[in-house]
Amino acid sequence: MTTTTTTPVLDIPIVIRGRIIEPGDDAIEFGGRAGARFRQPDPHKYADQLVLADPSDLRDLHDTPIDEIIDFLAELGERLVFDKNPLMQRAYELALEAGEMTPPVLRPIYEQFPAMFRRDRLSGQVERKLGKAYLDGWVEQGRPGQSTVRIRAIGTRQLHIIAGNVPVTAALTIVRGALTKGDTLIKTPSNDPFTAAAILRTMIELDPDHPVTKHFSVAYWKGGDEEIERRIIRPSRIEKLTAWGGMASMTHIQKYLVPGIELIAMNPKLSISIVGHEALDDDEAMQDAALGVALMAGRMNQTACSSTRVVYVECDDDEEDLARLEAFGHAIHRAFLGLPPHESTAPKRPDPDLEDELRAIALDDEFYRVIGDTSSAGVVISRTAEEPVEFADRLANRIVNLVPVPDITRVPRWVSEETQTVGIFPEPLRERMREDLALHGIQRTLPLGTAINHQDKGDPDQTLGLPHDGTEPLRRAVRWVIDQSAEPV
């Protein structure tokens, strides 16, 4: 007897400037990447309403003091506590079904949302990256009584095409849109279609008529739907386009870029780790480095841009060094399996295509060693110097590729702007390599295994408004306008 399980179809709304539009007779059903189904009102019917036609309609938010906006966001954050907010719980359940993360890994991400809206962090972020005075008025550039030039940061009409691999992107986008006094449309991803709407619905419950609430919209449409995108992505409606995504989607969006639309690109990224020979010379150092690699690759179950996939290890290609490299691989595999559930778990499902790749190269034990599999965790050891596996960019399910490199200083030649985060062991090696790595395009170096969002142990203010993927999104989201007078004022 065969039993058929039907996945429930969840209803999600379109939100347009404080108005919630629930699915009705016009609803369209969509599918998440991992099998979830959801219904939404037909986005074609609302495309012209999703964007702000008249920039003068931004005046209410433009005139709202930034401290009032920060106070509003801080109050919103208090309402995003996971255990007390059914909307956030529903967003989590849909993201769990539609995405690749497991419950122990995904839930802590939702639990950190209130902290992202803390008043002190928002205030410090704005002051450091924009300056509150520039958002609230014209700032004199000369000495008092001698200035003829003033500058102001002006809010813009923004479209954010966000990624869904890590739901924190939805909250980050809402914060950035509000802090830059922008009219913000968020296109949600199929693997996280409800988180942004859940936050905005909570915002509407807080105050449906607040200027911030009245300048956020959110909807899903299938990527590549040119009928919708040509009605939205035009200079008369959109001035700033922030796009997250893979190579195909980023290439597709280029066709809409004309004078008057600035692209703030969060391009697809891959991350690596670099391990000095010290990890092979000493057993204690090997265990430390192995845990570091496991954390760099295992956090968020290797779904983030910051997740390590290739590990370059300072290692000669003689049998003695390669044997130590293999021992290092076994240590990493054990470290993967020992990570606490809130850091990492076995994946939700094996990757059959990746498993086929691993089985194929495992037959060639002269050039590769394979430890583990895609159902739990794994390590692929390249035995030929400087040669990652051909499918290195598709490594997932907590699988890394160890690549021996006799001269570790050559690694910067293999990175580019596509390389986001580089974890390095030991610390002196990080300090020695950071300049060359930066020149070749990487966006962040850090000690191997360090959590990117836990860098504030000494001084919390040092993490306020950090660059993102080598750029400063807050500064780019506004338009910097000069006002000049004939005489000092």
Protein backbone atom coordinates (compact mmCIF):
# COMPACT_ATOMS: atom_id res chain seq x y z
CA MET A 1 0.00 0.00 0.00
CA THR A 2 1.38 3.42 -1.01
CA THR A 3 0.79 6.44 1.18
CA THR A 4 0.92 9.89 -0.41
CA THR A 5 1.87 12.84 1.77
CA THR A 6 0.59 16.22 0.65
CA THR A 7 2.59 19.26 1.67
CA PRO A 8 0.24 21.99 2.96
CA VAL A 9 0.11 25.18 0.92
CA LEU A 10 0.66 28.22 3.15
CA ASP A 11 -0.90 31.61 2.44
CA ILE A 12 1.39 34.64 2.54
CA PRO A 13 0.38 38.24 1.85
CA ILE A 14 1.69 41.04 -0.26
CA VAL A 15 2.37 44.07 1.95
CA ILE A 16 2.21 47.54 0.40
CA ARG A 17 2.97 50.54 2.63
CA GLY A 18 0.97 49.43 5.63
CA ARG A 19 -1.68 47.54 3.66
CA ILE A 20 -1.88 43.75 3.95
CA ILE A 21 -3.26 41.99 0.89
CA GLU A 22 -4.11 38.36 1.62
CA PRO A 23 -4.44 35.69 -1.11
CA GLY A 24 -7.91 35.47 -2.60
CA ASP A 25 -9.41 34.28 -5.86
CA ASP A 26 -6.43 35.72 -7.71
CA ALA A 27 -3.87 33.76 -5.68
CA ILE A 28 -0.95 32.06 -7.40
CA GLU A 29 0.81 29.04 -5.96
CA PHE A 30 4.60 28.98 -5.84
CA GLY A 31 7.14 26.40 -4.75
CA GLY A 32 10.08 26.73 -2.39
CA ARG A 33 13.44 25.30 -3.38
CA ALA A 34 13.21 22.40 -0.96
CA GLY A 35 9.58 21.48 -1.61
CA ALA A 36 7.46 23.93 0.40
CA ARG A 37 4.39 25.39 -1.31
CA PHE A 38 2.89 28.82 -0.70
CA ARG A 39 0.15 31.01 -2.18
CA GLN A 40 0.27 34.75 -2.68
CA PRO A 41 -1.90 37.32 -4.45
CA ASP A 42 -1.01 37.67 -8.12
CA PRO A 43 1.97 40.08 -8.07
CA HIS A 44 1.18 41.23 -11.64
CA LYS A 45 -1.94 42.98 -10.35
CA TYR A 46 0.04 45.02 -7.84
CA ALA A 47 3.32 45.72 -9.63
CA ASP A 48 2.57 49.42 -10.20
CA GLN A 49 1.56 49.87 -6.55
CA LEU A 50 4.69 48.23 -5.18
CA VAL A 51 6.89 51.14 -6.26
CA LEU A 52 6.55 54.81 -5.39
CA ALA A 53 5.67 56.84 -8.48
CA ASP A 54 6.15 60.34 -7.02
CA PRO A 55 9.35 61.05 -5.05
CA SER A 56 7.55 63.90 -3.28
CA ASP A 57 5.58 61.22 -1.43
CA LEU A 58 8.79 60.43 0.48
CA ARG A 59 8.56 63.79 2.23
CA ASP A 60 6.88 62.40 5.37
CA LEU A 61 9.77 60.00 6.01
CA HIS A 62 12.31 62.60 4.87
CA ASP A 63 11.03 64.98 7.56
CA THR A 64 10.96 62.35 10.34
CA PRO A 65 13.96 62.79 12.69
CA ILE A 66 16.32 59.84 12.54
CA ASP A 67 16.18 59.39 16.32
CA GLU A 68 12.40 58.95 16.05
CA ILE A 69 12.97 56.30 13.36
CA ILE A 70 15.50 54.52 15.59
CA ASP A 71 13.07 54.60 18.52
CA PHE A 72 10.40 53.07 16.30
CA LEU A 73 12.73 50.30 15.12
CA ALA A 74 13.83 49.58 18.67
CA GLU A 75 10.19 49.17 19.75
CA LEU A 76 9.65 46.92 16.74
CA GLY A 77 12.60 44.77 17.80
CA GLU A 78 11.03 44.18 21.20
CA ARG A 79 8.02 42.67 19.41
CA LEU A 80 10.14 40.26 17.35
CA VAL A 81 10.93 37.98 20.30
CA PHE A 82 10.50 34.53 18.80
CA ASP A 83 8.55 32.89 21.63
CA LYS A 84 6.05 35.78 21.75
CA ASN A 85 5.48 36.43 18.05
CA PRO A 86 3.34 33.95 16.08
CA LEU A 87 4.28 35.67 12.82
CA MET A 88 7.97 35.01 13.41
CA GLN A 89 7.19 31.43 14.36
CA ARG A 90 5.30 30.98 11.11
CA ALA A 91 8.18 32.53 9.16
CA TYR A 92 10.57 30.11 10.83
CA GLU A 93 8.38 27.11 9.99
CA LEU A 94 8.13 28.09 6.34
CA ALA A 95 11.86 28.85 6.06
CA LEU A 96 12.57 25.48 7.68
CA GLU A 97 10.44 23.70 5.11
CA ALA A 98 11.56 25.77 2.10
CA GLY A 99 15.28 26.01 2.90
CA GLU A 100 18.21 23.79 3.78
CA MET A 101 18.81 24.54 7.47
CA THR A 102 17.85 22.23 10.32
CA PRO A 103 15.86 23.39 13.40
CA PRO A 104 18.82 23.64 15.84
CA VAL A 105 20.71 25.84 13.36
CA LEU A 106 17.80 27.94 12.07
CA ARG A 107 15.99 28.82 15.28
CA PRO A 108 18.91 30.75 16.88
CA ILE A 109 18.98 32.96 13.78
CA TYR A 110 15.40 34.03 14.43
CA GLU A 111 16.14 34.48 18.11
CA GLN A 112 18.84 37.04 17.32
CA PHE A 113 16.48 39.38 15.43
CA PRO A 114 15.57 41.58 18.43
CA ALA A 115 19.26 42.32 19.01
CA MET A 116 19.56 43.65 15.46
CA PHE A 117 17.01 46.35 16.34
CA ARG A 118 18.64 47.48 19.59
CA ARG A 119 18.55 51.26 19.91
CA ASP A 120 22.22 51.63 20.82
CA ARG A 121 23.41 49.55 17.86
CA LEU A 122 21.18 51.33 15.36
CA SER A 123 22.17 54.74 16.67
CA GLY A 124 25.88 53.95 16.59
CA GLN A 125 25.62 52.45 13.12
CA VAL A 126 23.97 55.55 11.67
CA GLU A 127 26.29 57.97 13.39
CA ARG A 128 29.39 56.13 12.25
CA LYS A 129 28.43 55.51 8.62
CA LEU A 130 26.15 58.42 7.73
CA GLY A 131 26.00 60.96 10.52
CA LYS A 132 22.57 61.73 11.95
CA ALA A 133 22.91 65.40 11.12
CA TYR A 134 23.19 64.58 7.40
CA LEU A 135 19.93 62.63 7.48
CA ASP A 136 18.02 65.32 9.35
CA GLY A 137 19.22 68.50 7.63
CA TRP A 138 21.79 70.36 5.55
CA VAL A 139 25.24 70.24 7.15
CA GLU A 140 27.55 73.20 6.67
CA GLN A 141 30.94 72.22 5.25
CA GLY A 142 32.86 75.38 6.16
CA ARG A 143 33.60 77.23 9.36
CA PRO A 144 30.62 78.91 11.08
CA GLY A 145 29.76 82.13 9.30
CA GLN A 146 31.99 81.30 6.32
CA SER A 147 30.25 78.31 4.75
CA THR A 148 28.66 78.45 1.30
CA VAL A 149 28.34 74.67 0.88
CA ARG A 150 25.97 72.29 2.63
CA ILE A 151 25.44 68.52 2.18
CA ARG A 152 22.48 66.32 2.99
CA ALA A 153 21.89 62.55 2.70
CA ILE A 154 18.58 62.09 0.85
CA GLY A 155 16.47 58.96 1.00
CA THR A 156 15.86 57.10 -2.25
CA ARG A 157 13.37 54.69 -3.79
CA GLN A 158 14.95 51.27 -3.34
CA LEU A 159 14.40 47.72 -4.57
CA HIS A 160 16.06 44.94 -2.58
CA ILE A 161 16.22 41.51 -4.19
CA ILE A 162 17.26 39.53 -1.15
CA ALA A 163 18.78 36.10 -0.66
CA GLY A 164 17.13 33.40 1.42
CA ASN A 165 20.04 31.16 2.38
CA VAL A 166 20.21 33.00 5.74
CA PRO A 167 16.94 34.65 6.91
CA VAL A 168 18.82 37.39 8.72
CA THR A 169 19.02 39.14 5.34
CA ALA A 170 15.35 40.13 5.63
CA ALA A 171 15.85 41.88 8.96
CA LEU A 172 19.09 43.51 7.79
CA THR A 173 17.32 44.91 4.72
CA ILE A 174 14.48 46.39 6.76
CA VAL A 175 16.95 48.06 9.11
CA ARG A 176 18.95 49.53 6.23
CA GLY A 177 15.88 50.77 4.38
CA ALA A 178 14.51 52.56 7.44
CA LEU A 179 17.83 54.06 8.54
CA THR A 180 18.39 55.56 5.09
CA LYS A 181 14.84 57.00 4.96
CA GLY A 182 14.13 55.08 1.78
CA ASP A 183 10.93 53.89 0.17
CA THR A 184 11.81 50.20 0.17
CA LEU A 185 10.42 47.32 -1.87
CA ILE A 186 11.67 43.87 -0.87
CA LYS A 187 11.46 40.99 -3.33
CA THR A 188 11.53 37.86 -1.20
CA PRO A 189 13.25 34.59 -2.16
CA SER A 190 11.47 31.27 -2.63
CA ASN A 191 13.47 29.65 0.17
CA ASP A 192 12.40 32.33 2.67
CA PRO A 193 9.17 33.88 1.39
CA PHE A 194 7.67 35.09 4.66
CA THR A 195 10.28 36.48 7.07
CA ALA A 196 10.30 40.00 5.62
CA ALA A 197 6.48 40.05 5.52
CA ALA A 198 6.32 38.81 9.12
CA ILE A 199 8.51 41.68 10.30
CA LEU A 200 6.48 44.22 8.32
CA ARG A 201 3.19 42.83 9.63
CA THR A 202 4.57 43.21 13.14
CA MET A 203 5.48 46.78 12.19
CA ILE A 204 1.90 47.40 11.03
CA GLU A 205 0.57 46.05 14.34
CA LEU A 206 2.88 48.50 16.12
CA ASP A 207 1.78 51.56 14.11
CA PRO A 208 0.19 51.25 10.65
CA ASP A 209 0.46 55.00 10.04
CA HIS A 210 4.07 55.60 11.04
CA PRO A 211 6.14 57.05 8.15
CA VAL A 212 8.47 54.05 8.30
CA THR A 213 5.56 51.62 7.97
CA LYS A 214 4.17 53.62 5.05
CA HIS A 215 7.37 53.20 3.07
CA PHE A 216 7.88 49.44 3.06
CA SER A 217 6.45 46.92 0.61
CA VAL A 218 7.17 43.23 0.19
CA ALA A 219 6.18 40.67 -2.44
CA TYR A 220 7.39 37.52 -4.12
CA TRP A 221 7.52 36.98 -7.83
CA LYS A 222 9.40 34.35 -9.76
CA GLY A 223 12.86 35.56 -10.70
CA GLY A 224 13.10 36.43 -14.37
CA ASP A 225 9.46 37.52 -14.70
CA GLU A 226 10.17 40.34 -17.14
CA GLU A 227 6.61 41.64 -17.20
CA ILE A 228 6.79 42.55 -13.52
CA GLU A 229 10.43 43.55 -13.48
CA ARG A 230 10.13 45.97 -16.41
CA ARG A 231 7.24 47.73 -14.66
CA ILE A 232 9.25 48.07 -11.45
CA ILE A 233 12.91 48.43 -12.41
CA ARG A 234 12.92 51.74 -14.25
CA PRO A 235 14.47 55.08 -13.30
CA SER A 236 11.07 56.73 -12.83
CA ARG A 237 10.34 54.30 -9.98
CA ILE A 238 13.64 52.92 -8.63
CA GLU A 239 16.92 54.71 -7.95
CA LYS A 240 18.88 52.09 -5.97
CA LEU A 241 18.79 48.35 -6.61
CA THR A 242 20.41 46.09 -4.03
CA ALA A 243 20.67 42.56 -5.41
CA TRP A 244 21.81 39.41 -3.63
CA GLY A 245 22.05 36.17 -5.52
CA GLY A 246 23.84 33.68 -7.69
CA MET A 247 25.65 34.34 -10.94
CA ALA A 248 22.61 33.67 -13.15
CA SER A 249 20.31 36.07 -11.30
CA MET A 250 22.98 38.77 -11.09
CA THR A 251 23.61 38.47 -14.82
CA HIS A 252 19.88 38.67 -15.51
CA ILE A 253 19.44 41.85 -13.49
CA GLN A 254 22.11 43.64 -15.53
CA LYS A 255 19.66 44.10 -18.42
CA TYR A 256 17.66 46.61 -16.38
CA LEU A 257 20.60 48.81 -15.43
CA VAL A 258 20.29 52.14 -17.22
CA PRO A 259 21.37 55.64 -16.18
CA GLY A 260 19.39 56.58 -13.11
CA ILE A 261 19.52 53.15 -11.46
CA GLU A 262 22.53 52.29 -9.30
CA LEU A 263 23.24 48.66 -8.58
CA ILE A 264 24.49 47.80 -5.09
CA ALA A 265 25.62 44.26 -5.83
CA MET A 266 25.96 41.60 -3.17
CA ASN A 267 27.53 39.25 -5.69
CA PRO A 268 27.79 35.48 -5.18
CA LYS A 269 30.65 34.74 -2.82
CA LEU A 270 32.80 31.77 -1.86
CA SER A 271 35.00 31.63 1.21
CA ILE A 272 38.18 29.77 2.05
CA SER A 273 40.52 29.00 4.90
CA ILE A 274 44.32 29.04 5.03
CA VAL A 275 46.26 26.81 7.43
CA GLY A 276 49.96 27.10 8.10
CA HIS A 277 52.32 24.12 8.48
CA GLU A 278 52.10 24.54 12.27
CA ALA A 279 48.86 22.55 12.19
CA LEU A 280 50.71 19.53 10.79
CA ASP A 281 53.74 19.84 13.07
CA ASP A 282 51.98 19.63 16.41
CA ASP A 283 49.04 17.48 17.53
CA GLU A 284 47.52 20.17 19.75
CA ALA A 285 47.77 22.74 16.96
CA MET A 286 46.16 20.22 14.60
CA GLN A 287 43.16 19.82 16.89
CA ASP A 288 42.79 23.59 17.24
CA ALA A 289 42.97 24.12 13.50
CA ALA A 290 40.60 21.23 12.82
CA LEU A 291 37.97 22.72 15.10
CA GLY A 292 38.50 26.08 13.41
CA VAL A 293 37.91 24.61 9.95
CA ALA A 294 34.83 22.72 11.17
CA LEU A 295 33.35 25.93 12.55
CA MET A 296 34.17 27.95 9.43
CA ALA A 297 32.43 25.38 7.25
CA GLY A 298 29.81 24.05 9.65
CA ARG A 299 28.11 27.18 10.93
CA MET A 300 24.69 27.61 9.33
CA ASN A 301 25.38 24.21 7.78
CA GLN A 302 27.63 25.69 5.10
CA THR A 303 24.80 27.74 3.57
CA ALA A 304 26.32 31.20 4.11
CA CYS A 305 28.66 33.13 1.81
CA SER A 306 31.14 33.12 4.68
CA SER A 307 31.22 29.30 4.79
CA THR A 308 34.59 27.74 3.99
CA ARG A 309 34.66 25.24 1.14
CA VAL A 310 38.34 25.00 0.22
CA VAL A 311 41.13 24.87 2.82
CA TYR A 312 44.65 25.61 1.58
CA VAL A 313 47.17 23.88 3.84
CA GLU A 314 50.91 24.62 3.87
CA CYS A 315 52.17 21.17 2.97
CA ASP A 316 54.75 19.55 0.70
CA ASP A 317 53.74 16.70 -1.60
CA ASP A 318 56.03 14.09 -0.05
CA GLU A 319 54.38 11.06 1.58
CA GLU A 320 55.20 12.13 5.13
CA ASP A 321 53.49 15.51 4.76
CA LEU A 322 50.56 14.04 2.86
CA ALA A 323 50.07 11.50 5.65
CA ARG A 324 49.89 14.37 8.16
CA LEU A 325 47.45 16.15 5.84
CA GLU A 326 45.24 13.08 5.85
CA ALA A 327 45.42 12.95 9.65
CA PHE A 328 44.34 16.59 9.64
CA GLY A 329 41.38 15.61 7.45
CA HIS A 330 40.31 12.94 9.95
CA ALA A 331 40.61 15.51 12.77
CA ILE A 332 38.34 17.92 10.85
CA HIS A 333 35.80 15.16 10.24
CA ARG A 334 35.70 14.33 13.95
CA ALA A 335 35.35 18.03 14.74
CA PHE A 336 32.37 18.30 12.36
CA LEU A 337 30.64 15.44 14.12
CA GLY A 338 31.33 16.96 17.53
CA LEU A 339 29.95 20.44 16.89
CA PRO A 340 27.06 21.43 19.17
CA PRO A 341 23.65 21.48 17.43
CA HIS A 342 23.25 25.26 17.63
CA GLU A 343 26.43 25.58 15.58
CA SER A 344 25.88 22.80 13.06
CA THR A 345 24.07 19.53 12.44
CA ALA A 346 23.98 16.81 9.87
CA PRO A 347 22.21 18.17 6.77
CA LYS A 348 18.48 17.72 6.18
CA ARG A 349 19.09 15.48 3.18
CA PRO A 350 22.09 14.08 1.28
CA ASP A 351 23.10 15.79 -1.95
CA PRO A 352 22.94 12.99 -4.55
CA ASP A 353 24.94 14.84 -7.22
CA LEU A 354 27.69 15.73 -4.77
CA GLU A 355 27.66 12.18 -3.40
CA ASP A 356 28.25 10.87 -6.94
CA GLU A 357 31.24 13.21 -7.29
CA LEU A 358 32.71 11.98 -4.01
CA ARG A 359 32.28 8.34 -4.94
CA ALA A 360 33.92 8.92 -8.31
CA ILE A 361 37.07 10.57 -6.98
CA ALA A 362 37.28 8.11 -4.08
CA LEU A 363 38.15 5.47 -6.69
CA ASP A 364 41.27 7.44 -7.57
CA ASP A 365 43.19 7.04 -4.31
CA GLU A 366 46.45 8.12 -5.93
CA PHE A 367 45.19 11.68 -6.20
CA TYR A 368 42.42 11.91 -3.58
CA ARG A 369 41.29 10.66 -0.21
CA VAL A 370 37.63 10.95 0.81
CA ILE A 371 36.49 10.89 4.43
CA GLY A 372 32.78 10.84 5.33
CA ASP A 373 29.82 11.58 3.05
CA THR A 374 27.05 14.07 2.25
CA SER A 375 24.63 12.69 4.83
CA SER A 376 26.72 13.80 7.81
CA ALA A 377 30.00 15.58 7.00
CA GLY A 378 33.07 14.98 4.91
CA VAL A 379 36.58 15.94 3.89
CA VAL A 380 38.12 15.59 0.42
CA ILE A 381 41.91 15.57 0.48
CA SER A 382 43.67 16.55 -2.71
CA ARG A 383 47.09 14.85 -2.89
CA THR A 384 48.32 16.99 -5.80
CA ALA A 385 49.73 20.39 -4.87
CA GLU A 386 47.60 23.43 -5.57
CA GLU A 387 44.71 21.53 -7.20
CA PRO A 388 41.24 21.83 -5.66
CA VAL A 389 38.59 19.44 -6.91
CA GLU A 390 36.73 20.63 -10.02
CA PHE A 391 33.46 20.84 -8.08
CA ALA A 392 34.87 22.88 -5.19
CA ASP A 393 32.30 25.66 -5.66
CA ARG A 394 29.49 23.12 -5.15
CA LEU A 395 30.73 21.71 -1.85
CA ALA A 396 27.90 21.64 0.68
CA ASN A 397 26.53 19.51 3.52
CA ARG A 398 29.59 20.29 5.68
CA ILE A 399 32.19 19.05 3.20
CA VAL A 400 35.54 20.75 2.68
CA ASN A 401 38.44 20.17 0.29
CA LEU A 402 41.98 20.20 1.73
CA VAL A 403 44.54 21.36 -0.83
CA PRO A 404 48.28 21.06 -0.17
CA VAL A 405 50.30 24.18 -0.98
CA PRO A 406 54.11 24.04 -0.58
CA ASP A 407 54.35 27.85 -0.75
CA ILE A 408 51.42 29.26 1.19
CA THR A 409 52.16 32.80 0.01
CA ARG A 410 50.83 31.80 -3.43
CA VAL A 411 47.24 31.55 -2.20
CA PRO A 412 46.40 35.25 -2.85
CA ARG A 413 46.86 34.57 -6.58
CA TRP A 414 43.84 32.23 -6.49
CA VAL A 415 41.37 34.55 -4.80
CA SER A 416 39.32 37.37 -6.28
CA GLU A 417 36.44 39.71 -5.57
CA GLU A 418 34.30 36.55 -5.39
CA THR A 419 36.16 35.49 -2.24
CA GLN A 420 34.43 36.91 0.80
CA THR A 421 35.86 35.53 4.06
CA VAL A 422 39.24 33.95 4.76
CA GLY A 423 39.85 32.18 8.07
CA ILE A 424 43.58 31.85 8.82
CA PHE A 425 45.64 29.78 11.27
CA PRO A 426 47.88 30.67 13.08
CA GLU A 427 47.53 34.37 13.89
CA PRO A 428 50.99 35.46 12.68
CA LEU A 429 50.14 33.99 9.27
CA ARG A 430 46.96 36.11 9.11
CA GLU A 431 48.93 39.27 9.80
CA ARG A 432 51.53 38.27 7.19
CA MET A 433 49.01 37.51 4.42
CA ARG A 434 46.23 40.05 4.91
CA GLU A 435 47.72 42.76 2.67
CA ASP A 436 48.16 40.53 -0.38
CA LEU A 437 44.78 38.91 0.15
CA ALA A 438 43.13 42.34 0.34
CA LEU A 439 44.84 43.51 -2.84
CA HIS A 440 43.49 40.47 -4.69
CA GLY A 441 39.88 41.15 -3.71
CA ILE A 442 38.92 39.40 -0.46
CA GLN A 443 36.59 41.23 1.90
CA ARG A 444 37.45 39.85 5.32
CA THR A 445 40.20 37.99 7.16
CA LEU A 446 39.77 36.58 10.65
CA PRO A 447 41.27 33.95 12.95
CA LEU A 448 40.26 30.45 11.89
CA GLY A 449 36.98 29.46 13.54
CA THR A 450 36.06 32.89 14.84
CA ALA A 451 32.37 33.72 14.49
CA ILE A 452 31.91 36.70 12.20
CA ASN A 453 29.18 38.22 14.37
CA HIS A 454 31.03 37.66 17.65
CA GLN A 455 33.92 40.04 17.06
CA ASP A 456 32.77 42.55 19.68
CA LYS A 457 34.08 40.96 22.88
CA GLY A 458 36.46 43.83 23.60
CA ASP A 459 34.53 46.87 22.37
CA PRO A 460 31.00 46.39 20.99
CA ASP A 461 31.23 49.67 19.07
CA GLN A 462 33.94 48.27 16.79
CA THR A 463 31.38 46.16 14.91
CA LEU A 464 28.90 48.96 14.19
CA GLY A 465 28.26 49.57 10.51
CA LEU A 466 31.01 47.34 9.19
CA PRO A 467 31.48 47.15 5.42
CA HIS A 468 29.52 44.37 3.71
CA ASP A 469 31.18 42.48 0.87
CA GLY A 470 33.73 45.24 0.47
CA THR A 471 31.24 48.11 0.26
CA GLU A 472 29.25 50.39 2.57
CA PRO A 473 25.56 49.80 1.77
CA LEU A 474 24.20 52.55 4.03
CA ARG A 475 26.27 55.26 2.40
CA ARG A 476 25.42 54.02 -1.08
CA ALA A 477 21.68 53.72 -0.40
CA VAL A 478 21.26 57.48 0.04
CA ARG A 479 21.90 60.24 -2.48
CA TRP A 480 24.43 62.82 -1.32
CA VAL A 481 23.19 66.24 -2.38
CA ILE A 482 25.11 69.53 -2.35
CA ASP A 483 23.43 72.87 -1.68
CA GLN A 484 25.55 75.93 -2.44
CA SER A 485 24.85 79.62 -1.79
CA ALA A 486 26.43 82.71 -3.29
CA GLU A 487 27.30 84.12 0.11
CA PRO A 488 28.14 82.58 3.49
CA VAL A 489 25.12 81.91 5.64
